[in-house]
């Protein structure tokens, strides 16, 4: 796994915390800008992985298929923290609409599980107001 994080220049590439939890509870960190750069590379099939595997991942990331647009996305959540040490919730992906592609990476601190839906509702409202998604 370390090899691929390095090949992809993914975040700080830190996999401490266990092979099955490093991205949730470990020390792996990535900025929203770096996340978008990674997504752009995936979209353009420019990652250091086979084109076939990149296409499989892109298909697996389809979360909404509307007549006017297609959303590829993934949520993430490090767990509920506290007010002084909050957890982090993410929603990242891209929207294909006609000939345009819109990449996004949204993260927010979470100190209460009731706030978790905001990780999608806030960026969704922004994209709706910009005419990227929705009716």
C-alpha atoms as a PDB file:
ATOM      1  CA  UNK A   1       0.000   0.000   0.000  1.00  0.00           C
ATOM      2  CA  UNK A   2       2.841   2.374   0.854  1.00  0.00           C
ATOM      3  CA  UNK A   3       4.230   1.886  -2.655  1.00  0.00           C
ATOM      4  CA  UNK A   4       0.981   3.012  -4.279  1.00  0.00           C
ATOM      5  CA  UNK A   5       0.488   6.033  -2.034  1.00  0.00           C
ATOM      6  CA  UNK A   6       3.984   7.118  -3.004  1.00  0.00           C
ATOM      7  CA  UNK A   7       3.408   6.418  -6.731  1.00  0.00           C
ATOM      8  CA  UNK A   8       0.203   8.461  -6.599  1.00  0.00           C
ATOM      9  CA  UNK A   9       1.747  11.234  -4.424  1.00  0.00           C
ATOM     10  CA  UNK A  10      -1.295  10.761  -2.201  1.00  0.00           C
ATOM     11  CA  UNK A  11      -1.266  13.049   0.813  1.00  0.00           C
ATOM     12  CA  UNK A  12       1.429  12.514   3.420  1.00  0.00           C
ATOM     13  CA  UNK A  13       1.606   8.802   2.463  1.00  0.00           C
ATOM     14  CA  UNK A  14       1.551   7.759   6.150  1.00  0.00           C
ATOM     15  CA  UNK A  15       0.038   4.290   6.604  1.00  0.00           C
ATOM     16  CA  UNK A  16       0.736   3.957  10.323  1.00  0.00           C
ATOM     17  CA  UNK A  17      -2.310   2.826  12.257  1.00  0.00           C
ATOM     18  CA  UNK A  18      -2.808  -0.526  10.569  1.00  0.00           C
ATOM     19  CA  UNK A  19      -3.309  -1.633   6.985  1.00  0.00           C
ATOM     20  CA  UNK A  20      -7.085  -1.858   7.446  1.00  0.00           C
ATOM     21  CA  UNK A  21      -7.533   1.478   9.275  1.00  0.00           C
ATOM     22  CA  UNK A  22      -4.758   3.888   8.281  1.00  0.00           C
ATOM     23  CA  UNK A  23      -7.091   6.039   6.153  1.00  0.00           C
ATOM     24  CA  UNK A  24      -9.773   6.186   8.882  1.00  0.00           C
ATOM     25  CA  UNK A  25      -7.991   6.163  12.234  1.00  0.00           C
ATOM     26  CA  UNK A  26      -4.328   6.457  11.285  1.00  0.00           C
ATOM     27  CA  UNK A  27      -2.104   9.380  10.419  1.00  0.00           C
ATOM     28  CA  UNK A  28      -2.826   9.584   6.669  1.00  0.00           C
ATOM     29  CA  UNK A  29      -3.618  13.210   5.852  1.00  0.00           C
ATOM     30  CA  UNK A  30      -4.433  14.909   2.563  1.00  0.00           C
ATOM     31  CA  UNK A  31      -5.450  18.439   1.688  1.00  0.00           C
ATOM     32  CA  UNK A  32      -8.534  19.216  -0.360  1.00  0.00           C
ATOM     33  CA  UNK A  33      -6.268  20.595  -3.105  1.00  0.00           C
ATOM     34  CA  UNK A  34      -4.178  17.398  -3.205  1.00  0.00           C
ATOM     35  CA  UNK A  35      -7.374  15.331  -3.221  1.00  0.00           C
ATOM     36  CA  UNK A  36      -8.665  17.221  -6.276  1.00  0.00           C
ATOM     37  CA  UNK A  37      -5.300  16.775  -8.009  1.00  0.00           C
ATOM     38  CA  UNK A  38      -5.551  13.029  -7.369  1.00  0.00           C
ATOM     39  CA  UNK A  39      -9.122  12.925  -8.716  1.00  0.00           C
ATOM     40  CA  UNK A  40      -8.106  14.853 -11.833  1.00  0.00           C
ATOM     41  CA  UNK A  41      -5.314  12.336 -12.453  1.00  0.00           C
ATOM     42  CA  UNK A  42      -7.770   9.470 -12.026  1.00  0.00           C
ATOM     43  CA  UNK A  43     -10.298  11.116 -14.353  1.00  0.00           C
ATOM     44  CA  UNK A  44      -7.604  11.602 -17.018  1.00  0.00           C
ATOM     45  CA  UNK A  45      -6.214   8.043 -16.533  1.00  0.00           C
ATOM     46  CA  UNK A  46      -2.858   9.536 -15.520  1.00  0.00           C
ATOM     47  CA  UNK A  47      -2.290   7.602 -12.306  1.00  0.00           C
ATOM     48  CA  UNK A  48       0.538   5.092 -12.130  1.00  0.00           C
ATOM     49  CA  UNK A  49      -1.939   2.237 -12.519  1.00  0.00           C
ATOM     50  CA  UNK A  50      -3.340   0.399 -15.496  1.00  0.00           C
ATOM     51  CA  UNK A  51      -5.978   2.216 -17.512  1.00  0.00           C
ATOM     52  CA  UNK A  52      -8.274  -0.778 -16.994  1.00  0.00           C
ATOM     53  CA  UNK A  53      -8.014  -0.499 -13.201  1.00  0.00           C
ATOM     54  CA  UNK A  54      -8.589   3.253 -13.320  1.00  0.00           C
ATOM     55  CA  UNK A  55     -11.744   2.694 -15.393  1.00  0.00           C
ATOM     56  CA  UNK A  56     -12.985   0.109 -12.874  1.00  0.00           C
ATOM     57  CA  UNK A  57     -12.499   2.582 -10.021  1.00  0.00           C
ATOM     58  CA  UNK A  58     -14.243   5.371 -11.931  1.00  0.00           C
ATOM     59  CA  UNK A  59     -17.237   3.120 -12.619  1.00  0.00           C
ATOM     60  CA  UNK A  60     -17.376   2.079  -8.962  1.00  0.00           C
ATOM     61  CA  UNK A  61     -17.457   5.741  -7.917  1.00  0.00           C
ATOM     62  CA  UNK A  62     -20.655   6.555  -9.845  1.00  0.00           C
ATOM     63  CA  UNK A  63     -23.115   7.691  -7.177  1.00  0.00           C
ATOM     64  CA  UNK A  64     -25.680   9.571  -9.244  1.00  0.00           C
ATOM     65  CA  UNK A  65     -26.628   9.239 -12.886  1.00  0.00           C
ATOM     66  CA  UNK A  66     -29.056  11.918 -14.025  1.00  0.00           C
ATOM     67  CA  UNK A  67     -29.954  12.660 -17.652  1.00  0.00           C
ATOM     68  CA  UNK A  68     -27.993  15.935 -17.523  1.00  0.00           C
ATOM     69  CA  UNK A  69     -24.990  14.917 -15.395  1.00  0.00           C
ATOM     70  CA  UNK A  70     -23.038  12.079 -13.815  1.00  0.00           C
ATOM     71  CA  UNK A  71     -21.583  12.212 -10.293  1.00  0.00           C
ATOM     72  CA  UNK A  72     -18.549  10.142  -9.285  1.00  0.00           C
ATOM     73  CA  UNK A  73     -17.929  10.469  -5.556  1.00  0.00           C
ATOM     74  CA  UNK A  74     -16.828   8.951  -2.279  1.00  0.00           C
ATOM     75  CA  UNK A  75     -17.488   9.863   1.324  1.00  0.00           C
ATOM     76  CA  UNK A  76     -15.030   9.482   4.158  1.00  0.00           C
ATOM     77  CA  UNK A  77     -15.301   9.759   7.928  1.00  0.00           C
ATOM     78  CA  UNK A  78     -12.659   9.466  10.629  1.00  0.00           C
ATOM     79  CA  UNK A  79     -15.254   9.145  13.367  1.00  0.00           C
ATOM     80  CA  UNK A  80     -16.953  11.565  15.725  1.00  0.00           C
ATOM     81  CA  UNK A  81     -14.507  13.565  17.750  1.00  0.00           C
ATOM     82  CA  UNK A  82     -15.029  16.165  20.417  1.00  0.00           C
ATOM     83  CA  UNK A  83     -15.379  19.921  20.240  1.00  0.00           C
ATOM     84  CA  UNK A  84     -11.686  20.302  21.086  1.00  0.00           C
ATOM     85  CA  UNK A  85     -10.556  17.370  18.904  1.00  0.00           C
ATOM     86  CA  UNK A  86     -13.152  16.853  16.153  1.00  0.00           C
ATOM     87  CA  UNK A  87     -13.247  14.044  13.638  1.00  0.00           C
ATOM     88  CA  UNK A  88     -13.190  14.789   9.917  1.00  0.00           C
ATOM     89  CA  UNK A  89     -15.855  14.015   7.309  1.00  0.00           C
ATOM     90  CA  UNK A  90     -15.189  14.220   3.548  1.00  0.00           C
ATOM     91  CA  UNK A  91     -17.106  14.152   0.307  1.00  0.00           C
ATOM     92  CA  UNK A  92     -14.941  14.160  -2.810  1.00  0.00           C
ATOM     93  CA  UNK A  93     -15.496  13.516  -6.486  1.00  0.00           C
ATOM     94  CA  UNK A  94     -16.388  15.074  -9.780  1.00  0.00           C
ATOM     95  CA  UNK A  95     -19.426  15.888 -11.880  1.00  0.00           C
ATOM     96  CA  UNK A  96     -19.512  15.333 -15.628  1.00  0.00           C
ATOM     97  CA  UNK A  97     -21.999  17.628 -17.338  1.00  0.00           C
ATOM     98  CA  UNK A  98     -22.048  17.898 -21.115  1.00  0.00           C
ATOM     99  CA  UNK A  99     -18.450  18.781 -22.045  1.00  0.00           C
ATOM    100  CA  UNK A 100     -17.508  20.130 -18.595  1.00  0.00           C
ATOM    101  CA  UNK A 101     -16.024  18.365 -15.574  1.00  0.00           C
ATOM    102  CA  UNK A 102     -16.279  19.858 -12.079  1.00  0.00           C
ATOM    103  CA  UNK A 103     -14.021  18.439  -9.349  1.00  0.00           C
ATOM    104  CA  UNK A 104     -14.763  18.901  -5.665  1.00  0.00           C
ATOM    105  CA  UNK A 105     -13.309  18.004  -2.280  1.00  0.00           C
ATOM    106  CA  UNK A 106     -15.197  19.058   0.816  1.00  0.00           C
ATOM    107  CA  UNK A 107     -14.169  18.291   4.377  1.00  0.00           C
ATOM    108  CA  UNK A 108     -15.493  19.430   7.704  1.00  0.00           C
ATOM    109  CA  UNK A 109     -14.884  18.884  11.383  1.00  0.00           C
ATOM    110  CA  UNK A 110     -17.377  16.564  13.084  1.00  0.00           C
ATOM    111  CA  UNK A 111     -17.973  16.707  16.827  1.00  0.00           C
ATOM    112  CA  UNK A 112     -21.526  15.375  16.639  1.00  0.00           C
ATOM    113  CA  UNK A 113     -22.833  12.590  14.413  1.00  0.00           C
ATOM    114  CA  UNK A 114     -25.982  14.579  13.637  1.00  0.00           C
ATOM    115  CA  UNK A 115     -23.798  16.929  11.540  1.00  0.00           C
ATOM    116  CA  UNK A 116     -22.584  14.120   9.267  1.00  0.00           C
ATOM    117  CA  UNK A 117     -25.168  14.702   6.474  1.00  0.00           C
ATOM    118  CA  UNK A 118     -23.750  18.220   6.043  1.00  0.00           C
ATOM    119  CA  UNK A 119     -20.662  16.791   4.312  1.00  0.00           C
ATOM    120  CA  UNK A 120     -22.866  16.178   1.269  1.00  0.00           C
ATOM    121  CA  UNK A 121     -25.685  18.694   1.677  1.00  0.00           C
ATOM    122  CA  UNK A 122     -23.434  21.779   1.791  1.00  0.00           C
ATOM    123  CA  UNK A 123     -21.485  21.068  -1.420  1.00  0.00           C
ATOM    124  CA  UNK A 124     -24.673  19.776  -3.087  1.00  0.00           C
ATOM    125  CA  UNK A 125     -26.419  23.092  -2.422  1.00  0.00           C
ATOM    126  CA  UNK A 126     -23.421  24.981  -3.792  1.00  0.00           C
ATOM    127  CA  UNK A 127     -23.385  22.874  -6.965  1.00  0.00           C
ATOM    128  CA  UNK A 128     -27.154  23.294  -7.344  1.00  0.00           C
ATOM    129  CA  UNK A 129     -26.884  27.067  -6.955  1.00  0.00           C
ATOM    130  CA  UNK A 130     -24.165  27.116  -9.640  1.00  0.00           C
ATOM    131  CA  UNK A 131     -26.326  25.047 -12.015  1.00  0.00           C
ATOM    132  CA  UNK A 132     -23.904  22.114 -12.027  1.00  0.00           C
ATOM    133  CA  UNK A 133     -26.394  19.557 -10.691  1.00  0.00           C
ATOM    134  CA  UNK A 134     -30.096  19.443  -9.981  1.00  0.00           C
ATOM    135  CA  UNK A 135     -33.085  20.511 -11.925  1.00  0.00           C
END
